[in-house]
N, C-alpha and C. Protein backbone atom coordinates (compact mmCIF):
# COMPACT_ATOMS: atom_id res chain seq x y z
N UNK A 1 0.88 -1.19 -0.13
CA UNK A 1 0.18 0.26 0.05
C UNK A 1 0.80 1.07 0.07
N UNK A 2 0.57 2.27 -0.55
CA UNK A 2 0.95 3.43 -0.64
C UNK A 2 0.67 4.43 0.51
N UNK A 3 1.42 5.31 0.71
CA UNK A 3 1.10 6.25 1.78
C UNK A 3 0.02 6.84 1.73
N UNK A 4 -0.86 7.27 2.57
CA UNK A 4 -2.38 7.80 2.46
C UNK A 4 -2.09 9.24 1.83
N UNK A 5 -3.08 9.80 1.19
CA UNK A 5 -3.08 11.23 0.56
C UNK A 5 -4.10 11.96 1.59
N UNK A 6 -3.57 13.19 2.13
CA UNK A 6 -4.35 13.92 2.73
C UNK A 6 -4.45 15.24 2.30
N UNK A 7 -5.86 15.52 2.23
CA UNK A 7 -6.44 16.86 1.92
C UNK A 7 -7.12 17.54 3.10
N UNK A 8 -7.06 18.85 3.37
CA UNK A 8 -7.75 19.64 4.10
C UNK A 8 -8.93 19.28 4.49
N UNK A 9 -9.21 18.83 5.57
CA UNK A 9 -10.86 18.35 5.99
C UNK A 9 -11.37 17.16 5.56
N UNK A 10 -10.41 16.32 4.81
CA UNK A 10 -10.73 14.94 4.40
C UNK A 10 -10.29 13.96 5.03
N UNK A 11 -10.57 12.61 5.09
CA UNK A 11 -10.12 11.60 5.84
C UNK A 11 -8.81 11.28 4.62
N UNK A 12 -8.08 10.66 5.29
CA UNK A 12 -6.89 9.94 4.50
C UNK A 12 -7.32 9.02 3.35
N UNK A 13 -6.95 9.29 2.29
CA UNK A 13 -7.46 8.20 1.53
C UNK A 13 -5.95 7.18 0.98
N UNK A 14 -6.23 6.14 0.91
CA UNK A 14 -5.33 5.38 0.47
C UNK A 14 -5.32 4.58 -0.74
N UNK A 15 -3.96 4.92 -1.35
CA UNK A 15 -4.26 4.53 -2.88
C UNK A 15 -3.32 3.06 -3.17
N UNK A 16 -3.92 1.76 -3.65
CA UNK A 16 -3.09 0.77 -3.85
C UNK A 16 -2.29 0.76 -4.80
N UNK A 17 -0.95 0.19 -4.36
CA UNK A 17 0.35 0.47 -5.36
C UNK A 17 -0.16 -0.22 -6.88
N UNK A 18 -0.79 -1.14 -7.14
CA UNK A 18 -1.22 -1.50 -8.38
C UNK A 18 -2.82 -1.71 -8.63
N UNK A 19 -3.42 -1.17 -9.18
CA UNK A 19 -4.58 -1.18 -9.74
C UNK A 19 -5.15 -2.06 -10.86
N UNK A 20 -5.94 -2.80 -10.71
CA UNK A 20 -6.30 -3.66 -11.94
C UNK A 20 -7.77 -3.57 -12.13
N UNK A 21 -8.08 -3.51 -13.27
CA UNK A 21 -9.56 -3.56 -13.67
C UNK A 21 -9.96 -4.95 -13.74
N UNK A 22 -11.29 -4.96 -13.52
CA UNK A 22 -11.88 -6.47 -13.10
C UNK A 22 -12.02 -6.81 -14.58
N UNK A 23 -11.84 -7.93 -14.61
CA UNK A 23 -12.27 -8.79 -16.10
C UNK A 23 -13.27 -8.76 -16.56
N UNK A 24 -14.55 -8.88 -15.47
CA UNK A 24 -15.92 -8.89 -16.31
C UNK A 24 -16.11 -7.53 -17.01
N UNK A 25 -15.21 -6.71 -16.71
CA UNK A 25 -15.59 -5.25 -17.75
C UNK A 25 -15.27 -5.33 -18.82
N UNK A 26 -14.02 -6.46 -19.20
CA UNK A 26 -13.28 -6.71 -20.54
C UNK A 26 -12.25 -5.92 -20.78
N UNK A 27 -11.67 -5.24 -19.73
CA UNK A 27 -10.59 -4.73 -19.74
C UNK A 27 -9.08 -5.31 -18.88
N UNK A 28 -9.26 -6.44 -18.55
CA UNK A 28 -8.34 -7.37 -18.14
C UNK A 28 -7.64 -7.85 -19.18
N UNK A 29 -6.79 -7.43 -20.14
CA UNK A 29 -5.76 -7.79 -20.92
C UNK A 29 -4.54 -7.64 -20.78
N UNK A 30 -3.77 -8.19 -21.33
CA UNK A 30 -2.28 -7.97 -21.29
C UNK A 30 -1.85 -6.54 -21.37
N UNK A 31 -2.45 -5.69 -22.34
CA UNK A 31 -2.05 -4.23 -22.50
C UNK A 31 -2.35 -3.46 -21.60
N UNK A 32 -3.57 -4.05 -20.86
CA UNK A 32 -4.24 -3.19 -19.74
C UNK A 32 -3.29 -3.57 -18.24
N UNK A 33 -2.76 -4.60 -18.22
CA UNK A 33 -2.07 -4.98 -17.08
C UNK A 33 -0.50 -4.58 -17.05
N UNK A 34 0.04 -4.27 -18.52
CA UNK A 34 1.45 -3.63 -18.56
C UNK A 34 1.45 -2.72 -19.67
N UNK A 35 0.90 -1.39 -19.24
CA UNK A 35 0.97 -0.13 -20.05
C UNK A 35 2.14 0.29 -20.67
N UNK A 36 3.40 -0.34 -20.13
CA UNK A 36 4.68 -0.21 -20.62
C UNK A 36 4.95 -0.69 -22.04
N UNK A 37 4.09 -1.75 -22.32
CA UNK A 37 4.14 -2.41 -23.51
C UNK A 37 3.48 -2.00 -24.68
N UNK A 38 4.20 -1.82 -25.73
CA UNK A 38 3.33 -0.72 -26.90
C UNK A 38 2.63 -2.29 -27.94
N UNK A 39 1.53 -2.06 -28.08
CA UNK A 39 0.76 -3.23 -28.93
C UNK A 39 1.12 -2.71 -30.65
N UNK A 40 0.17 -3.18 -31.44
CA UNK A 40 0.56 -2.45 -32.99
C UNK A 40 0.48 -1.10 -33.03
N UNK A 41 0.90 -0.71 -34.38
CA UNK A 41 0.85 0.98 -34.38
C UNK A 41 -0.42 1.27 -34.73
N UNK A 42 -0.79 2.33 -34.56
CA UNK A 42 -2.23 2.98 -34.79
C UNK A 42 -2.70 2.81 -36.21
N UNK A 43 -1.58 2.97 -37.14
CA UNK A 43 -1.77 2.88 -38.49
C UNK A 43 -2.45 1.45 -38.94
N UNK A 44 -1.69 0.52 -38.55
CA UNK A 44 -2.02 -1.01 -38.81
C UNK A 44 -3.41 -1.14 -38.21
N UNK A 45 -3.48 -0.73 -37.23
CA UNK A 45 -5.04 -1.11 -36.39
C UNK A 45 -6.12 -0.43 -37.01
N UNK A 46 -5.84 1.04 -37.61
CA UNK A 46 -6.89 1.43 -38.38
C UNK A 46 -7.11 1.11 -39.56
N UNK A 47 -5.90 0.51 -40.17
CA UNK A 47 -6.38 -0.15 -41.68
C UNK A 47 -7.02 -1.65 -41.16
N UNK A 48 -6.77 -2.10 -40.21
CA UNK A 48 -7.66 -3.46 -40.00
C UNK A 48 -9.04 -3.20 -39.53
N UNK A 49 -9.37 -2.07 -38.78
CA UNK A 49 -10.64 -1.74 -38.41
C UNK A 49 -11.33 -1.50 -40.07
N UNK A 50 -10.61 -0.72 -40.91
CA UNK A 50 -11.38 -0.20 -42.13
C UNK A 50 -11.58 -1.46 -42.88
N UNK A 51 -10.77 -2.68 -42.96
CA UNK A 51 -10.99 -3.66 -43.59
C UNK A 51 -12.24 -4.49 -42.86
N UNK A 52 -12.66 -4.34 -41.63
CA UNK A 52 -13.54 -5.01 -41.17
C UNK A 52 -14.95 -4.47 -41.59
N UNK A 53 -14.69 -2.98 -41.65
CA UNK A 53 -15.86 -2.14 -41.62
C UNK A 53 -16.14 -2.73 -43.47
N UNK A 54 -15.33 -2.86 -44.32
CA UNK A 54 -15.44 -3.21 -45.70
C UNK A 54 -16.31 -4.47 -45.80
N UNK A 55 -15.44 -5.49 -44.95
CA UNK A 55 -16.08 -6.77 -45.04
C UNK A 55 -17.49 -6.67 -44.60
N UNK A 56 -18.21 -6.11 -43.34
CA UNK A 56 -19.41 -5.87 -43.35
C UNK A 56 -20.15 -5.73 -44.23
N UNK A 57 -19.42 -4.43 -45.20
CA UNK A 57 -20.42 -3.64 -45.96
C UNK A 57 -20.81 -5.13 -47.11
N UNK A 58 -19.71 -5.64 -47.52
CA UNK A 58 -19.76 -6.75 -48.51
C UNK A 58 -20.91 -7.77 -48.39
N UNK A 59 -20.64 -8.26 -46.71
CA UNK A 59 -21.61 -9.52 -46.33
C UNK A 59 -22.88 -8.58 -46.47
N UNK A 60 -23.28 -7.55 -45.76
CA UNK A 60 -24.59 -6.62 -46.08
C UNK A 60 -25.04 -7.06 -47.45
N UNK A 61 -24.32 -6.18 -48.43
CA UNK A 61 -24.47 -6.32 -49.96
C UNK A 61 -24.92 -7.84 -50.25
N UNK A 62 -24.35 -8.71 -50.04
CA UNK A 62 -24.38 -10.02 -50.26
C UNK A 62 -25.85 -10.68 -49.91
N UNK A 63 -26.24 -10.30 -48.57
CA UNK A 63 -27.56 -10.59 -48.14
C UNK A 63 -28.65 -10.06 -48.75
N UNK A 64 -28.53 -9.02 -49.19
CA UNK A 64 -29.47 -8.23 -49.80
C UNK A 64 -29.80 -8.60 -51.35
N UNK A 65 -28.51 -8.82 -52.02
CA UNK A 65 -28.65 -9.65 -53.20
C UNK A 65 -29.25 -11.12 -53.21
N UNK A 66 -29.07 -11.64 -51.97
CA UNK A 66 -29.76 -12.98 -52.00
C UNK A 66 -31.18 -12.85 -51.55
N UNK A 67 -31.64 -11.85 -51.02
CA UNK A 67 -33.10 -11.60 -51.03
C UNK A 67 -33.70 -11.23 -51.90
N UNK A 68 -33.37 -10.34 -52.94
CA UNK A 68 -33.59 -9.43 -53.95
C UNK A 68 -33.51 -10.39 -54.91
N UNK A 69 -32.97 -11.63 -55.22
CA UNK A 69 -32.99 -12.47 -56.19
C UNK A 69 -33.82 -13.80 -55.85
N UNK A 70 -34.19 -14.04 -54.56
CA UNK A 70 -35.10 -14.95 -54.18
C UNK A 70 -34.31 -16.11 -53.48
N UNK A 71 -33.12 -16.01 -53.44
CA UNK A 71 -32.09 -16.99 -53.04
C UNK A 71 -32.37 -17.25 -51.74
N UNK A 72 -32.53 -16.19 -50.90
CA UNK A 72 -33.16 -16.39 -49.20
C UNK A 72 -34.24 -15.79 -49.12
N UNK A 73 -35.15 -16.16 -48.29
CA UNK A 73 -36.56 -15.50 -47.57
C UNK A 73 -35.80 -15.15 -46.09
N UNK A 74 -34.73 -14.97 -45.85
CA UNK A 74 -34.62 -14.83 -44.63
C UNK A 74 -34.28 -13.22 -44.26
N UNK A 75 -35.35 -12.43 -44.31
CA UNK A 75 -35.00 -11.07 -44.04
C UNK A 75 -34.38 -10.50 -42.70
N UNK A 76 -34.69 -11.24 -41.57
CA UNK A 76 -34.07 -10.89 -40.35
C UNK A 76 -32.73 -10.68 -40.42
N UNK A 77 -32.07 -11.64 -41.07
CA UNK A 77 -30.61 -11.97 -41.40
C UNK A 77 -30.14 -10.58 -42.17
N UNK A 78 -30.79 -10.29 -43.17
CA UNK A 78 -30.20 -9.12 -43.92
C UNK A 78 -30.54 -7.73 -43.29
N UNK A 79 -31.56 -7.86 -42.31
CA UNK A 79 -31.70 -6.59 -41.65
C UNK A 79 -30.62 -6.39 -40.43
N UNK A 80 -30.07 -7.49 -40.03
CA UNK A 80 -28.81 -7.49 -38.96
C UNK A 80 -28.05 -7.04 -39.83
N UNK A 81 -27.69 -7.74 -40.73
CA UNK A 81 -26.32 -7.68 -41.55
C UNK A 81 -26.28 -5.95 -41.96
N UNK A 82 -27.15 -5.55 -42.37
CA UNK A 82 -27.41 -4.03 -42.79
C UNK A 82 -27.32 -3.12 -41.69
N UNK A 83 -27.91 -3.43 -40.36
CA UNK A 83 -27.64 -2.48 -39.28
C UNK A 83 -26.01 -2.84 -38.67
N UNK A 84 -25.31 -4.02 -38.81
CA UNK A 84 -24.25 -3.94 -38.47
C UNK A 84 -23.09 -3.28 -39.33
N UNK A 85 -23.32 -3.12 -40.73
CA UNK A 85 -22.77 -2.43 -41.23
C UNK A 85 -22.87 -0.65 -41.40
N UNK A 86 -24.28 -0.63 -40.68
CA UNK A 86 -24.16 0.88 -40.73
C UNK A 86 -23.67 1.28 -39.73
N UNK A 87 -23.91 0.58 -38.70
CA UNK A 87 -23.31 1.00 -37.03
C UNK A 87 -21.82 1.14 -37.36
N UNK A 88 -21.06 0.16 -37.73
CA UNK A 88 -19.76 0.16 -38.08
C UNK A 88 -19.40 1.43 -38.91
N UNK A 89 -20.06 1.57 -40.11
CA UNK A 89 -19.50 2.65 -41.06
C UNK A 89 -19.76 3.86 -39.93
N UNK A 90 -20.98 3.99 -39.60
CA UNK A 90 -20.87 5.57 -38.61
C UNK A 90 -19.92 5.58 -37.86
N UNK A 91 -19.48 4.37 -36.90
CA UNK A 91 -18.42 4.56 -35.94
C UNK A 91 -17.05 5.01 -36.72
N UNK A 92 -16.65 4.41 -37.84
CA UNK A 92 -15.57 4.57 -38.58
C UNK A 92 -15.86 6.22 -38.87
N UNK A 93 -16.72 6.75 -39.49
CA UNK A 93 -16.85 8.11 -39.90
C UNK A 93 -16.50 8.96 -38.79
N UNK A 94 -17.01 8.45 -37.43
CA UNK A 94 -16.87 9.47 -36.16
C UNK A 94 -15.37 9.02 -35.94
N UNK A 95 -14.75 8.04 -36.01
CA UNK A 95 -13.36 8.28 -35.76
C UNK A 95 -12.44 8.92 -36.59
N UNK A 96 -12.96 8.85 -37.86
CA UNK A 96 -11.98 9.72 -38.73
C UNK A 96 -12.52 11.00 -38.66
N UNK A 97 -13.53 11.79 -38.34
CA UNK A 97 -13.66 13.10 -37.84
C UNK A 97 -12.98 13.35 -36.84
N UNK A 98 -12.79 12.60 -35.69
CA UNK A 98 -11.80 12.83 -34.33
C UNK A 98 -10.53 13.22 -35.03
N UNK A 99 -10.19 12.08 -35.71
CA UNK A 99 -8.65 12.16 -36.12
C UNK A 99 -8.44 13.41 -37.07
N UNK A 100 -9.47 13.87 -37.85
CA UNK A 100 -9.11 15.14 -38.64
C UNK A 100 -9.36 16.19 -37.57
N UNK A 101 -10.14 16.24 -36.75
CA UNK A 101 -10.31 17.40 -35.83
C UNK A 101 -9.12 17.52 -34.70
N UNK A 102 -8.11 15.98 -34.23
CA UNK A 102 -6.94 16.29 -33.87
C UNK A 102 -5.97 16.93 -34.60
N UNK A 103 -6.06 16.42 -36.00
CA UNK A 103 -4.87 17.09 -36.73
C UNK A 103 -4.78 18.53 -37.01
N UNK A 104 -6.42 19.22 -37.14
CA UNK A 104 -6.38 20.53 -37.45
C UNK A 104 -6.00 21.10 -36.12
N UNK A 105 -6.18 20.65 -35.11
CA UNK A 105 -5.82 21.13 -33.51
C UNK A 105 -4.32 21.35 -33.38
N UNK A 106 -3.60 20.31 -33.82
CA UNK A 106 -2.31 20.31 -33.87
C UNK A 106 -1.49 21.63 -34.96
N UNK A 107 -2.20 21.26 -35.75
CA UNK A 107 -1.52 22.32 -36.92
C UNK A 107 -1.98 23.99 -36.57
N UNK A 108 -3.05 23.92 -35.62
CA UNK A 108 -3.32 25.63 -35.00
C UNK A 108 -2.38 25.87 -33.74
N UNK A 109 -1.84 24.57 -33.33
CA UNK A 109 -0.85 24.99 -32.25
C UNK A 109 0.40 25.22 -32.86
N UNK A 110 0.77 24.72 -33.87
CA UNK A 110 2.22 24.88 -34.49
C UNK A 110 2.20 26.19 -35.19
N UNK A 111 1.22 26.57 -35.47
CA UNK A 111 1.35 28.03 -36.22
C UNK A 111 1.46 29.30 -35.13
């Protein structure tokens, strides 16, 4: 245990030396346990996610074509595939917008 922190008028607070995120939250991964280790570069992660979004879009197109041509009568799977593709594309668009905003902010700081 670390030394207690003291604030005026507040009881002492003890901060544990090592804090772990519970595994039921889903963050109990090696990266969360060892922050000094670097995972894959951001660019490769971003490329992988763009590939995943593209794959979901293609799967949605395939299911729509199958329903339109009468090869499949499963409308539920088609709607689920379309929703997955839509949500992933909207998320990718938001990430792109955040990256552009961060780039513009950095450019404003350097001027």
